[in-house]
Protein backbone atom coordinates (compact mmCIF):
# COMPACT_ATOMS: atom_id res chain seq x y z
CA MET A 1 22.65 14.53 -36.24
CA LYS A 2 24.73 12.38 -38.57
CA LYS A 3 24.59 12.97 -42.30
CA THR A 4 23.75 9.98 -44.43
CA ILE A 5 25.19 9.11 -47.80
CA THR A 6 23.22 7.11 -50.34
CA ILE A 7 25.18 4.91 -52.69
CA LYS A 8 23.26 3.69 -55.70
CA ASN A 9 24.02 0.26 -57.13
CA ALA A 10 26.21 -0.75 -54.18
CA LYS A 11 26.88 -4.48 -54.11
CA LEU A 12 27.62 -6.36 -50.91
CA TYR A 13 28.75 -9.95 -50.57
CA LYS A 14 26.16 -12.19 -48.93
CA PRO A 15 27.74 -13.70 -45.81
CA LYS A 16 27.96 -17.47 -45.50
CA THR A 17 27.32 -17.41 -41.77
CA LYS A 18 24.74 -15.72 -39.59
CA PRO A 19 26.25 -12.62 -37.97
CA SER A 20 26.67 -12.41 -34.21
CA LYS A 21 24.42 -10.02 -32.30
CA GLN A 22 27.53 -8.23 -31.12
CA GLY A 23 28.62 -7.76 -34.72
CA VAL A 24 25.28 -6.28 -35.78
CA ASP A 25 25.32 -3.92 -32.79
CA VAL A 26 28.86 -2.74 -33.62
CA GLU A 27 28.11 -2.25 -37.31
CA MET A 28 24.97 -0.22 -36.49
CA GLU A 29 27.44 2.53 -35.52
CA HIS A 30 28.13 2.92 -39.24
CA THR A 31 24.72 2.50 -40.86
CA PRO A 32 21.09 3.15 -39.96
CA GLN A 33 20.10 0.02 -41.89
CA ARG A 34 19.98 -3.17 -39.84
CA LYS A 35 20.14 -5.31 -42.99
CA VAL A 36 23.43 -3.69 -44.03
CA ALA A 37 24.84 -4.12 -40.50
CA LYS A 38 23.94 -7.84 -40.62
CA ILE A 39 25.69 -8.26 -43.97
CA ILE A 40 28.86 -6.50 -42.80
CA GLY A 41 28.85 -8.36 -39.48
CA GLY A 42 28.40 -11.68 -41.25
CA ASN A 43 31.23 -10.91 -43.64
CA HIS A 44 33.59 -10.12 -40.74
CA ASP A 45 32.64 -13.42 -39.10
CA ASP A 46 33.19 -15.24 -42.40
CA GLU A 47 36.62 -13.68 -42.77
CA PHE A 48 37.88 -14.22 -39.23
CA GLY A 49 35.77 -17.20 -38.17
CA LYS A 50 33.88 -18.16 -35.07
CA LYS A 51 34.89 -20.18 -32.03
CA ASN A 52 32.18 -22.21 -30.29
CA GLY A 53 29.59 -20.30 -32.31
CA LYS A 54 30.88 -16.89 -31.15
CA SER A 55 32.61 -14.27 -33.24
CA LYS A 56 36.40 -14.05 -32.99
CA TYR A 57 36.51 -10.66 -34.73
CA TYR A 58 34.41 -8.49 -32.44
CA PRO A 59 36.10 -9.37 -29.12
CA ALA A 60 39.47 -8.67 -30.77
CA LEU A 61 38.12 -5.38 -32.14
CA LYS A 62 36.94 -4.36 -28.69
CA LYS A 63 40.42 -5.05 -27.22
CA MET A 64 42.10 -3.08 -30.02
CA GLU A 65 39.78 -0.09 -29.58
CA SER A 66 40.40 -0.16 -25.83
CA LYS A 67 44.18 -0.05 -26.38
CA LEU A 68 43.83 2.84 -28.82
CA LYS A 69 41.73 4.82 -26.36
CA LYS A 70 44.37 4.28 -23.66
CA GLY A 71 47.04 5.56 -26.06
CA LYS A 72 49.01 2.31 -26.22
């Protein structure tokens, strides 16, 4: 079981765009709170943009993680 850490008075930036489902799913690896995952996912999409309504960040992240797993 994973240990959780509680951070009091943490402030998160409200994303300007709605996060992609893929982004929320990926960020749920890091938090048990769906609301936090949506905020983080939305912020990544704000930072790196979307193309045709789809996240540009998460497909690139998936490719990078795949390369790292292969040892390249």
